[in-house]
């Protein structure tokens, strides 16, 4: 076996070159990681309530965009080019599911974002008749927060502990709010109201208020004259004096029913930001309760 003398001078140069290459790669990786942390997790959601949940979990670590602002109707929304671009740049996309956002699948396909993590926030909720407005029950809201939190952890495991800590704190606030609302609405337990759209089904059920009838059960479809007469007859027979509607819906039909029955129309909301003083989910529920109680006091309906 032939032994070759080691060329220490040349080996030192090789080692130095390798060291420089490795150092350069490490610096590049560190800079990329730092840039990623500086830019934050890019989250796109379909409706404002999901944005509020995400914001309470992620805080300053995320950038958040809600496709629906609160003034549109999620059922009939038509995505714009800016929505496609937002999904194309997103790390995490959160929707409610249950058929609320029928346009979401096509939006994701058009965006062509292969690294996008998608979450259906309603996947662990208690569902009533496939009604998608699940977040109006605070217990469902708690479950949705957990699902969104885990989506963030998947997309950004580096901050997993912080996301979990923030979610736990927010859930405590939600549970405290639940107790406050239950106490405020206790006098209405067993009472009946009529809704224009089924946006408050979960909310009313949670606090023991009967949803005696819904004027429009199919989004975007006008009620028949026969159905309106049935609702009016029911309200007269049972002395129902409250009609609960949302700001996204035209006031014409609720006003007509109110004139026929002597009822009061209450405009509440299921989407944060669509009424004054409802910028967050918690503020929204507080304002809804305030409006319902104020209407009950002035309607003559027994408390």
C-alpha atoms as a PDB file:
ATOM      1  CA  UNK A   1       0.000   0.000   0.000  1.00  0.00           C
ATOM      2  CA  UNK A   2       1.395   3.345  -1.013  1.00  0.00           C
ATOM      3  CA  UNK A   3       1.234   6.146   1.532  1.00  0.00           C
ATOM      4  CA  UNK A   4       0.961   9.690   0.270  1.00  0.00           C
ATOM      5  CA  UNK A   5       2.277  12.562   2.340  1.00  0.00           C
ATOM      6  CA  UNK A   6      -0.428  14.854   3.668  1.00  0.00           C
ATOM      7  CA  UNK A   7      -0.408  18.364   2.252  1.00  0.00           C
ATOM      8  CA  UNK A   8      -1.351  20.335   5.343  1.00  0.00           C
ATOM      9  CA  UNK A   9      -1.199  23.637   3.535  1.00  0.00           C
ATOM     10  CA  UNK A  10      -3.655  22.549   0.897  1.00  0.00           C
ATOM     11  CA  UNK A  11      -5.925  20.849   3.479  1.00  0.00           C
ATOM     12  CA  UNK A  12      -6.048  24.037   5.521  1.00  0.00           C
ATOM     13  CA  UNK A  13      -7.240  25.926   2.462  1.00  0.00           C
ATOM     14  CA  UNK A  14      -9.892  23.272   1.779  1.00  0.00           C
ATOM     15  CA  UNK A  15     -11.079  23.335   5.392  1.00  0.00           C
ATOM     16  CA  UNK A  16     -11.189  27.116   5.349  1.00  0.00           C
ATOM     17  CA  UNK A  17     -13.244  27.071   2.155  1.00  0.00           C
ATOM     18  CA  UNK A  18     -15.662  24.497   3.595  1.00  0.00           C
ATOM     19  CA  UNK A  19     -16.002  26.524   6.790  1.00  0.00           C
ATOM     20  CA  UNK A  20     -16.832  29.657   4.826  1.00  0.00           C
ATOM     21  CA  UNK A  21     -19.453  27.804   2.776  1.00  0.00           C
ATOM     22  CA  UNK A  22     -21.077  26.320   5.894  1.00  0.00           C
ATOM     23  CA  UNK A  23     -21.048  29.705   7.634  1.00  0.00           C
ATOM     24  CA  UNK A  24     -22.617  31.319   4.598  1.00  0.00           C
ATOM     25  CA  UNK A  25     -25.378  28.700   4.525  1.00  0.00           C
ATOM     26  CA  UNK A  26     -26.073  29.131   8.227  1.00  0.00           C
ATOM     27  CA  UNK A  27     -26.276  32.897   7.862  1.00  0.00           C
ATOM     28  CA  UNK A  28     -28.654  32.516   4.939  1.00  0.00           C
ATOM     29  CA  UNK A  29     -30.880  30.149   6.900  1.00  0.00           C
ATOM     30  CA  UNK A  30     -30.856  32.412   9.944  1.00  0.00           C
ATOM     31  CA  UNK A  31     -31.703  35.454   7.859  1.00  0.00           C
ATOM     32  CA  UNK A  32     -34.540  33.566   6.178  1.00  0.00           C
ATOM     33  CA  UNK A  33     -35.865  32.431   9.539  1.00  0.00           C
ATOM     34  CA  UNK A  34     -35.604  35.934  10.962  1.00  0.00           C
ATOM     35  CA  UNK A  35     -37.406  37.321   7.931  1.00  0.00           C
ATOM     36  CA  UNK A  36     -40.161  34.730   8.345  1.00  0.00           C
ATOM     37  CA  UNK A  37     -40.623  35.674  11.982  1.00  0.00           C
ATOM     38  CA  UNK A  38     -40.561  39.379  11.134  1.00  0.00           C
ATOM     39  CA  UNK A  39     -43.210  38.992   8.430  1.00  0.00           C
ATOM     40  CA  UNK A  40     -45.343  36.854  10.742  1.00  0.00           C
ATOM     41  CA  UNK A  41     -47.862  34.156   9.970  1.00  0.00           C
ATOM     42  CA  UNK A  42     -50.109  35.218   7.107  1.00  0.00           C
ATOM     43  CA  UNK A  43     -53.684  34.198   7.946  1.00  0.00           C
ATOM     44  CA  UNK A  44     -56.738  34.645   5.712  1.00  0.00           C
ATOM     45  CA  UNK A  45     -60.239  33.912   7.020  1.00  0.00           C
ATOM     46  CA  UNK A  46     -63.677  34.052   5.459  1.00  0.00           C
ATOM     47  CA  UNK A  47     -65.629  36.101   8.021  1.00  0.00           C
ATOM     48  CA  UNK A  48     -64.806  38.692  10.723  1.00  0.00           C
ATOM     49  CA  UNK A  49     -65.574  36.450  13.695  1.00  0.00           C
ATOM     50  CA  UNK A  50     -62.812  34.066  12.595  1.00  0.00           C
ATOM     51  CA  UNK A  51     -60.472  37.032  12.224  1.00  0.00           C
ATOM     52  CA  UNK A  52     -61.195  38.056  15.803  1.00  0.00           C
ATOM     53  CA  UNK A  53     -60.588  34.540  17.094  1.00  0.00           C
ATOM     54  CA  UNK A  54     -57.307  34.345  15.154  1.00  0.00           C
ATOM     55  CA  UNK A  55     -56.204  37.775  16.356  1.00  0.00           C
ATOM     56  CA  UNK A  56     -56.741  36.805  19.993  1.00  0.00           C
ATOM     57  CA  UNK A  57     -54.662  33.664  19.473  1.00  0.00           C
ATOM     58  CA  UNK A  58     -51.862  35.074  17.332  1.00  0.00           C
ATOM     59  CA  UNK A  59     -51.619  38.677  18.481  1.00  0.00           C
ATOM     60  CA  UNK A  60     -48.774  40.583  16.846  1.00  0.00           C
ATOM     61  CA  UNK A  61     -47.268  37.382  15.443  1.00  0.00           C
ATOM     62  CA  UNK A  62     -49.821  37.190  12.633  1.00  0.00           C
ATOM     63  CA  UNK A  63     -51.168  39.317   9.829  1.00  0.00           C
ATOM     64  CA  UNK A  64     -54.872  38.763   9.275  1.00  0.00           C
ATOM     65  CA  UNK A  65     -57.298  39.399   6.435  1.00  0.00           C
ATOM     66  CA  UNK A  66     -61.026  38.687   6.478  1.00  0.00           C
ATOM     67  CA  UNK A  67     -62.566  38.252   3.031  1.00  0.00           C
ATOM     68  CA  UNK A  68     -66.007  39.264   4.314  1.00  0.00           C
ATOM     69  CA  UNK A  69     -65.894  42.627   6.098  1.00  0.00           C
ATOM     70  CA  UNK A  70     -69.185  42.259   7.961  1.00  0.00           C
ATOM     71  CA  UNK A  71     -71.338  44.207   5.531  1.00  0.00           C
ATOM     72  CA  UNK A  72     -71.638  41.438   2.923  1.00  0.00           C
ATOM     73  CA  UNK A  73     -73.620  38.206   3.145  1.00  0.00           C
ATOM     74  CA  UNK A  74     -71.296  35.163   3.346  1.00  0.00           C
ATOM     75  CA  UNK A  75     -73.862  32.916   1.647  1.00  0.00           C
ATOM     76  CA  UNK A  76     -73.982  34.944  -1.584  1.00  0.00           C
ATOM     77  CA  UNK A  77     -70.554  36.626  -1.629  1.00  0.00           C
ATOM     78  CA  UNK A  78     -68.648  36.679  -4.931  1.00  0.00           C
ATOM     79  CA  UNK A  79     -64.830  36.639  -4.500  1.00  0.00           C
ATOM     80  CA  UNK A  80     -62.693  39.320  -6.121  1.00  0.00           C
ATOM     81  CA  UNK A  81     -59.238  39.174  -7.651  1.00  0.00           C
ATOM     82  CA  UNK A  82     -57.774  40.627  -4.457  1.00  0.00           C
ATOM     83  CA  UNK A  83     -59.143  37.634  -2.540  1.00  0.00           C
ATOM     84  CA  UNK A  84     -57.352  35.217  -4.880  1.00  0.00           C
ATOM     85  CA  UNK A  85     -54.094  37.128  -4.360  1.00  0.00           C
ATOM     86  CA  UNK A  86     -54.556  37.053  -0.590  1.00  0.00           C
ATOM     87  CA  UNK A  87     -55.001  33.263  -0.591  1.00  0.00           C
ATOM     88  CA  UNK A  88     -51.985  32.874  -2.890  1.00  0.00           C
ATOM     89  CA  UNK A  89     -49.815  34.611  -0.260  1.00  0.00           C
ATOM     90  CA  UNK A  90     -51.396  33.014   2.811  1.00  0.00           C
ATOM     91  CA  UNK A  91     -49.898  30.422   5.154  1.00  0.00           C
ATOM     92  CA  UNK A  92     -53.231  29.509   6.753  1.00  0.00           C
ATOM     93  CA  UNK A  93     -56.806  29.724   5.451  1.00  0.00           C
ATOM     94  CA  UNK A  94     -59.685  29.390   7.921  1.00  0.00           C
ATOM     95  CA  UNK A  95     -63.328  28.958   6.971  1.00  0.00           C
ATOM     96  CA  UNK A  96     -66.413  28.057   8.993  1.00  0.00           C
ATOM     97  CA  UNK A  97     -67.568  25.230   6.740  1.00  0.00           C
ATOM     98  CA  UNK A  98     -71.052  23.664   6.786  1.00  0.00           C
ATOM     99  CA  UNK A  99     -71.791  25.221   3.407  1.00  0.00           C
ATOM    100  CA  UNK A 100     -71.555  28.829   4.614  1.00  0.00           C
ATOM    101  CA  UNK A 101     -68.827  29.753   2.118  1.00  0.00           C
ATOM    102  CA  UNK A 102     -69.807  27.851  -1.031  1.00  0.00           C
ATOM    103  CA  UNK A 103     -67.319  29.974  -2.973  1.00  0.00           C
ATOM    104  CA  UNK A 104     -64.274  29.063  -0.861  1.00  0.00           C
ATOM    105  CA  UNK A 105     -63.162  25.889  -2.672  1.00  0.00           C
ATOM    106  CA  UNK A 106     -63.031  27.613  -6.050  1.00  0.00           C
ATOM    107  CA  UNK A 107     -61.173  30.534  -4.491  1.00  0.00           C
ATOM    108  CA  UNK A 108     -58.493  28.209  -3.115  1.00  0.00           C
ATOM    109  CA  UNK A 109     -58.146  26.381  -6.444  1.00  0.00           C
ATOM    110  CA  UNK A 110     -57.707  29.640  -8.332  1.00  0.00           C
ATOM    111  CA  UNK A 111     -55.043  30.794  -5.874  1.00  0.00           C
ATOM    112  CA  UNK A 112     -52.839  27.754  -6.599  1.00  0.00           C
ATOM    113  CA  UNK A 113     -51.066  27.892  -3.224  1.00  0.00           C
ATOM    114  CA  UNK A 114     -49.614  24.402  -2.697  1.00  0.00           C
ATOM    115  CA  UNK A 115     -48.230  25.201   0.771  1.00  0.00           C
ATOM    116  CA  UNK A 116     -51.538  26.553   2.116  1.00  0.00           C
ATOM    117  CA  UNK A 117     -52.833  24.967   5.324  1.00  0.00           C
ATOM    118  CA  UNK A 118     -56.637  24.887   5.430  1.00  0.00           C
ATOM    119  CA  UNK A 119     -58.881  24.648   8.487  1.00  0.00           C
ATOM    120  CA  UNK A 120     -62.651  24.215   8.833  1.00  0.00           C
ATOM    121  CA  UNK A 121     -63.306  25.811  12.196  1.00  0.00           C
ATOM    122  CA  UNK A 122     -66.686  24.130  12.723  1.00  0.00           C
ATOM    123  CA  UNK A 123     -65.368  20.580  12.578  1.00  0.00           C
ATOM    124  CA  UNK A 124     -65.821  19.901  16.314  1.00  0.00           C
ATOM    125  CA  UNK A 125     -68.920  22.052  16.902  1.00  0.00           C
ATOM    126  CA  UNK A 126     -72.353  20.951  18.054  1.00  0.00           C
ATOM    127  CA  UNK A 127     -74.516  21.353  14.936  1.00  0.00           C
ATOM    128  CA  UNK A 128     -78.242  22.156  14.700  1.00  0.00           C
ATOM    129  CA  UNK A 129     -79.892  21.192  11.391  1.00  0.00           C
ATOM    130  CA  UNK A 130     -76.680  21.906   9.475  1.00  0.00           C
ATOM    131  CA  UNK A 131     -77.027  25.602  10.386  1.00  0.00           C
ATOM    132  CA  UNK A 132     -73.589  27.168   9.759  1.00  0.00           C
ATOM    133  CA  UNK A 133     -73.891  30.036  12.283  1.00  0.00           C
ATOM    134  CA  UNK A 134     -72.265  27.866  14.935  1.00  0.00           C
ATOM    135  CA  UNK A 135     -70.156  30.616  16.521  1.00  0.00           C
ATOM    136  CA  UNK A 136     -73.279  32.217  18.030  1.00  0.00           C
ATOM    137  CA  UNK A 137     -73.075  29.551  20.757  1.00  0.00           C
ATOM    138  CA  UNK A 138     -70.132  30.388  23.009  1.00  0.00           C
ATOM    139  CA  UNK A 139     -69.370  26.710  23.596  1.00  0.00           C
ATOM    140  CA  UNK A 140     -68.978  26.298  19.850  1.00  0.00           C
ATOM    141  CA  UNK A 141     -66.854  29.446  19.764  1.00  0.00           C
ATOM    142  CA  UNK A 142     -64.556  27.856  22.347  1.00  0.00           C
ATOM    143  CA  UNK A 143     -64.193  24.772  20.166  1.00  0.00           C
ATOM    144  CA  UNK A 144     -63.506  26.890  17.094  1.00  0.00           C
ATOM    145  CA  UNK A 145     -60.744  28.762  18.916  1.00  0.00           C
ATOM    146  CA  UNK A 146     -59.057  25.440  19.694  1.00  0.00           C
ATOM    147  CA  UNK A 147     -59.277  24.307  16.053  1.00  0.00           C
ATOM    148  CA  UNK A 148     -57.827  27.602  14.802  1.00  0.00           C
ATOM    149  CA  UNK A 149     -55.095  27.451  17.426  1.00  0.00           C
ATOM    150  CA  UNK A 150     -54.013  24.029  16.220  1.00  0.00           C
ATOM    151  CA  UNK A 151     -53.999  25.277  12.627  1.00  0.00           C
ATOM    152  CA  UNK A 152     -51.625  28.044  13.660  1.00  0.00           C
ATOM    153  CA  UNK A 153     -49.426  25.566  15.493  1.00  0.00           C
ATOM    154  CA  UNK A 154     -49.171  23.469  12.317  1.00  0.00           C
ATOM    155  CA  UNK A 155     -48.289  26.509  10.246  1.00  0.00           C
ATOM    156  CA  UNK A 156     -45.882  27.991  12.797  1.00  0.00           C
ATOM    157  CA  UNK A 157     -44.731  25.398  15.371  1.00  0.00           C
ATOM    158  CA  UNK A 158     -41.991  27.755  16.570  1.00  0.00           C
ATOM    159  CA  UNK A 159     -44.632  29.807  18.432  1.00  0.00           C
ATOM    160  CA  UNK A 160     -46.864  26.902  19.472  1.00  0.00           C
ATOM    161  CA  UNK A 161     -46.619  27.577  23.191  1.00  0.00           C
ATOM    162  CA  UNK A 162     -47.558  31.228  22.791  1.00  0.00           C
ATOM    163  CA  UNK A 163     -50.541  30.389  20.586  1.00  0.00           C
ATOM    164  CA  UNK A 164     -51.791  27.883  23.144  1.00  0.00           C
ATOM    165  CA  UNK A 165     -51.320  30.280  26.043  1.00  0.00           C
ATOM    166  CA  UNK A 166     -53.170  33.086  24.247  1.00  0.00           C
ATOM    167  CA  UNK A 167     -56.006  30.740  23.262  1.00  0.00           C
ATOM    168  CA  UNK A 168     -56.425  29.556  26.857  1.00  0.00           C
ATOM    169  CA  UNK A 169     -56.633  33.149  28.088  1.00  0.00           C
ATOM    170  CA  UNK A 170     -59.187  34.088  25.446  1.00  0.00           C
ATOM    171  CA  UNK A 171     -61.316  31.043  26.231  1.00  0.00           C
ATOM    172  CA  UNK A 172     -61.443  32.143  29.872  1.00  0.00           C
ATOM    173  CA  UNK A 173     -62.825  35.502  28.699  1.00  0.00           C
ATOM    174  CA  UNK A 174     -65.433  33.708  26.581  1.00  0.00           C
ATOM    175  CA  UNK A 175     -66.589  31.550  29.473  1.00  0.00           C
ATOM    176  CA  UNK A 176     -66.879  34.607  31.719  1.00  0.00           C
ATOM    177  CA  UNK A 177     -68.972  36.335  29.049  1.00  0.00           C
ATOM    178  CA  UNK A 178     -71.195  33.268  28.787  1.00  0.00           C
ATOM    179  CA  UNK A 179     -71.999  33.538  32.478  1.00  0.00           C
ATOM    180  CA  UNK A 180     -72.788  37.252  32.182  1.00  0.00           C
ATOM    181  CA  UNK A 181     -75.136  36.718  29.232  1.00  0.00           C
ATOM    182  CA  UNK A 182     -76.898  33.808  30.907  1.00  0.00           C
ATOM    183  CA  UNK A 183     -77.597  35.989  33.931  1.00  0.00           C
ATOM    184  CA  UNK A 184     -78.763  38.962  31.825  1.00  0.00           C
ATOM    185  CA  UNK A 185     -81.125  36.877  29.679  1.00  0.00           C
ATOM    186  CA  UNK A 186     -82.433  34.632  32.462  1.00  0.00           C
ATOM    187  CA  UNK A 187     -85.769  36.526  32.625  1.00  0.00           C
ATOM    188  CA  UNK A 188     -86.341  35.690  28.937  1.00  0.00           C
ATOM    189  CA  UNK A 189     -85.871  31.946  29.324  1.00  0.00           C
ATOM    190  CA  UNK A 190     -88.909  30.216  27.848  1.00  0.00           C
ATOM    191  CA  UNK A 191     -90.039  33.319  25.958  1.00  0.00           C
ATOM    192  CA  UNK A 192     -90.513  33.223  22.163  1.00  0.00           C
ATOM    193  CA  UNK A 193     -89.307  35.514  19.397  1.00  0.00           C
ATOM    194  CA  UNK A 194     -89.329  35.384  15.597  1.00  0.00           C
ATOM    195  CA  UNK A 195     -86.160  35.695  13.521  1.00  0.00           C
ATOM    196  CA  UNK A 196     -85.843  36.933   9.955  1.00  0.00           C
ATOM    197  CA  UNK A 197     -82.937  34.606   9.112  1.00  0.00           C
ATOM    198  CA  UNK A 198     -81.590  31.629  11.098  1.00  0.00           C
ATOM    199  CA  UNK A 199     -78.488  33.495  12.269  1.00  0.00           C
ATOM    200  CA  UNK A 200     -79.424  33.415  15.967  1.00  0.00           C
ATOM    201  CA  UNK A 201     -80.594  29.813  16.339  1.00  0.00           C
ATOM    202  CA  UNK A 202     -77.570  28.747  18.397  1.00  0.00           C
ATOM    203  CA  UNK A 203     -77.576  31.917  20.499  1.00  0.00           C
ATOM    204  CA  UNK A 204     -81.258  31.650  21.398  1.00  0.00           C
ATOM    205  CA  UNK A 205     -81.083  27.933  22.166  1.00  0.00           C
ATOM    206  CA  UNK A 206     -78.101  28.403  24.471  1.00  0.00           C
ATOM    207  CA  UNK A 207     -79.996  30.881  26.635  1.00  0.00           C
ATOM    208  CA  UNK A 208     -83.360  29.138  26.622  1.00  0.00           C
ATOM    209  CA  UNK A 209     -85.212  31.508  24.277  1.00  0.00           C
ATOM    210  CA  UNK A 210     -87.576  29.909  21.775  1.00  0.00           C
ATOM    211  CA  UNK A 211     -87.136  30.673  18.079  1.00  0.00           C
ATOM    212  CA  UNK A 212     -90.836  30.352  17.253  1.00  0.00           C
ATOM    213  CA  UNK A 213     -90.444  30.908  13.503  1.00  0.00           C
ATOM    214  CA  UNK A 214     -87.965  32.084  10.885  1.00  0.00           C
ATOM    215  CA  UNK A 215     -89.226  34.331   8.097  1.00  0.00           C
ATOM    216  CA  UNK A 216     -86.495  33.437   5.577  1.00  0.00           C
ATOM    217  CA  UNK A 217     -85.096  29.939   5.973  1.00  0.00           C
ATOM    218  CA  UNK A 218     -83.245  29.748   2.635  1.00  0.00           C
ATOM    219  CA  UNK A 219     -80.532  32.412   2.095  1.00  0.00           C
ATOM    220  CA  UNK A 220     -81.263  34.720  -0.816  1.00  0.00           C
ATOM    221  CA  UNK A 221     -84.797  33.396  -1.341  1.00  0.00           C
ATOM    222  CA  UNK A 222     -87.860  35.556  -0.635  1.00  0.00           C
ATOM    223  CA  UNK A 223     -90.507  33.964   1.613  1.00  0.00           C
ATOM    224  CA  UNK A 224     -93.808  33.000   0.049  1.00  0.00           C
ATOM    225  CA  UNK A 225     -96.983  34.897   0.868  1.00  0.00           C
ATOM    226  CA  UNK A 226     -98.332  31.762   2.495  1.00  0.00           C
ATOM    227  CA  UNK A 227     -95.323  31.515   4.798  1.00  0.00           C
ATOM    228  CA  UNK A 228     -95.592  35.184   5.781  1.00  0.00           C
ATOM    229  CA  UNK A 229     -99.270  34.734   6.657  1.00  0.00           C
ATOM    230  CA  UNK A 230     -98.390  31.715   8.768  1.00  0.00           C
ATOM    231  CA  UNK A 231     -95.750  33.695  10.679  1.00  0.00           C
ATOM    232  CA  UNK A 232     -98.119  36.622  11.228  1.00  0.00           C
ATOM    233  CA  UNK A 233    -100.892  34.319  12.463  1.00  0.00           C
ATOM    234  CA  UNK A 234     -98.488  32.579  14.847  1.00  0.00           C
ATOM    235  CA  UNK A 235     -97.235  35.869  16.261  1.00  0.00           C
ATOM    236  CA  UNK A 236    -100.754  37.180  16.838  1.00  0.00           C
ATOM    237  CA  UNK A 237    -101.876  33.938  18.458  1.00  0.00           C
ATOM    238  CA  UNK A 238     -98.930  33.724  20.831  1.00  0.00           C
ATOM    239  CA  UNK A 239     -98.462  37.431  21.453  1.00  0.00           C
ATOM    240  CA  UNK A 240     -94.896  37.470  20.134  1.00  0.00           C
ATOM    241  CA  UNK A 241     -93.618  41.035  20.039  1.00  0.00           C
ATOM    242  CA  UNK A 242     -89.987  40.721  18.930  1.00  0.00           C
ATOM    243  CA  UNK A 243     -88.626  40.191  15.407  1.00  0.00           C
ATOM    244  CA  UNK A 244     -84.861  39.684  15.326  1.00  0.00           C
ATOM    245  CA  UNK A 245     -83.066  40.590  12.097  1.00  0.00           C
ATOM    246  CA  UNK A 246     -79.555  41.381  10.823  1.00  0.00           C
ATOM    247  CA  UNK A 247     -78.120  44.504   9.132  1.00  0.00           C
ATOM    248  CA  UNK A 248     -77.235  42.588   5.962  1.00  0.00           C
ATOM    249  CA  UNK A 249     -80.913  41.973   5.249  1.00  0.00           C
ATOM    250  CA  UNK A 250     -83.366  44.446   3.694  1.00  0.00           C
ATOM    251  CA  UNK A 251     -85.732  45.926   6.316  1.00  0.00           C
ATOM    252  CA  UNK A 252     -88.831  45.693   4.103  1.00  0.00           C
ATOM    253  CA  UNK A 253     -90.172  42.272   5.079  1.00  0.00           C
ATOM    254  CA  UNK A 254     -89.483  42.603   8.834  1.00  0.00           C
ATOM    255  CA  UNK A 255     -91.199  46.003   8.779  1.00  0.00           C
ATOM    256  CA  UNK A 256     -94.242  44.518   7.031  1.00  0.00           C
ATOM    257  CA  UNK A 257     -94.583  41.724   9.579  1.00  0.00           C
ATOM    258  CA  UNK A 258     -94.105  44.203  12.434  1.00  0.00           C
ATOM    259  CA  UNK A 259     -96.886  46.428  11.105  1.00  0.00           C
ATOM    260  CA  UNK A 260     -99.235  43.450  10.914  1.00  0.00           C
ATOM    261  CA  UNK A 261     -98.462  42.211  14.423  1.00  0.00           C
ATOM    262  CA  UNK A 262     -97.479  45.272  16.438  1.00  0.00           C
ATOM    263  CA  UNK A 263     -94.052  43.755  17.045  1.00  0.00           C
ATOM    264  CA  UNK A 264     -90.717  45.526  17.438  1.00  0.00           C
ATOM    265  CA  UNK A 265     -87.933  44.859  14.938  1.00  0.00           C
ATOM    266  CA  UNK A 266     -84.551  44.387  16.624  1.00  0.00           C
ATOM    267  CA  UNK A 267     -81.459  44.698  14.443  1.00  0.00           C
ATOM    268  CA  UNK A 268     -78.708  42.577  16.001  1.00  0.00           C
ATOM    269  CA  UNK A 269     -75.745  40.953  14.300  1.00  0.00           C
ATOM    270  CA  UNK A 270     -73.881  37.697  13.828  1.00  0.00           C
ATOM    271  CA  UNK A 271     -70.805  39.350  12.276  1.00  0.00           C
ATOM    272  CA  UNK A 272     -68.451  41.640  14.223  1.00  0.00           C
ATOM    273  CA  UNK A 273     -68.077  45.094  12.704  1.00  0.00           C
ATOM    274  CA  UNK A 274     -71.464  45.247  11.004  1.00  0.00           C
ATOM    275  CA  UNK A 275     -73.022  47.427  13.731  1.00  0.00           C
ATOM    276  CA  UNK A 276     -71.526  50.223  15.875  1.00  0.00           C
ATOM    277  CA  UNK A 277     -69.798  48.896  18.975  1.00  0.00           C
ATOM    278  CA  UNK A 278     -69.373  45.370  17.607  1.00  0.00           C
ATOM    279  CA  UNK A 279     -65.731  45.352  16.523  1.00  0.00           C
ATOM    280  CA  UNK A 280     -64.985  42.103  18.358  1.00  0.00           C
ATOM    281  CA  UNK A 281     -66.884  38.882  18.997  1.00  0.00           C
ATOM    282  CA  UNK A 282     -67.265  39.717  22.680  1.00  0.00           C
ATOM    283  CA  UNK A 283     -68.465  43.262  21.952  1.00  0.00           C
ATOM    284  CA  UNK A 284     -70.861  41.885  19.341  1.00  0.00           C
ATOM    285  CA  UNK A 285     -72.585  39.517  21.760  1.00  0.00           C
ATOM    286  CA  UNK A 286     -72.749  42.210  24.441  1.00  0.00           C
ATOM    287  CA  UNK A 287     -74.386  44.623  21.978  1.00  0.00           C
ATOM    288  CA  UNK A 288     -76.826  41.958  20.781  1.00  0.00           C
ATOM    289  CA  UNK A 289     -77.916  41.333  24.368  1.00  0.00           C
ATOM    290  CA  UNK A 290     -78.288  45.062  25.027  1.00  0.00           C
ATOM    291  CA  UNK A 291     -80.484  45.522  21.943  1.00  0.00           C
ATOM    292  CA  UNK A 292     -82.686  42.534  22.748  1.00  0.00           C
ATOM    293  CA  UNK A 293     -83.227  43.640  26.355  1.00  0.00           C
ATOM    294  CA  UNK A 294     -83.978  47.219  25.302  1.00  0.00           C
ATOM    295  CA  UNK A 295     -86.565  45.993  22.792  1.00  0.00           C
ATOM    296  CA  UNK A 296     -88.199  43.666  25.322  1.00  0.00           C
ATOM    297  CA  UNK A 297     -88.548  46.523  27.804  1.00  0.00           C
ATOM    298  CA  UNK A 298     -90.357  48.680  25.257  1.00  0.00           C
ATOM    299  CA  UNK A 299     -92.424  46.004  23.532  1.00  0.00           C
ATOM    300  CA  UNK A 300     -94.862  45.031  26.210  1.00  0.00           C
ATOM    301  CA  UNK A 301     -93.774  41.400  25.909  1.00  0.00           C
ATOM    302  CA  UNK A 302     -93.480  39.887  29.398  1.00  0.00           C
ATOM    303  CA  UNK A 303     -89.981  39.354  30.740  1.00  0.00           C
END
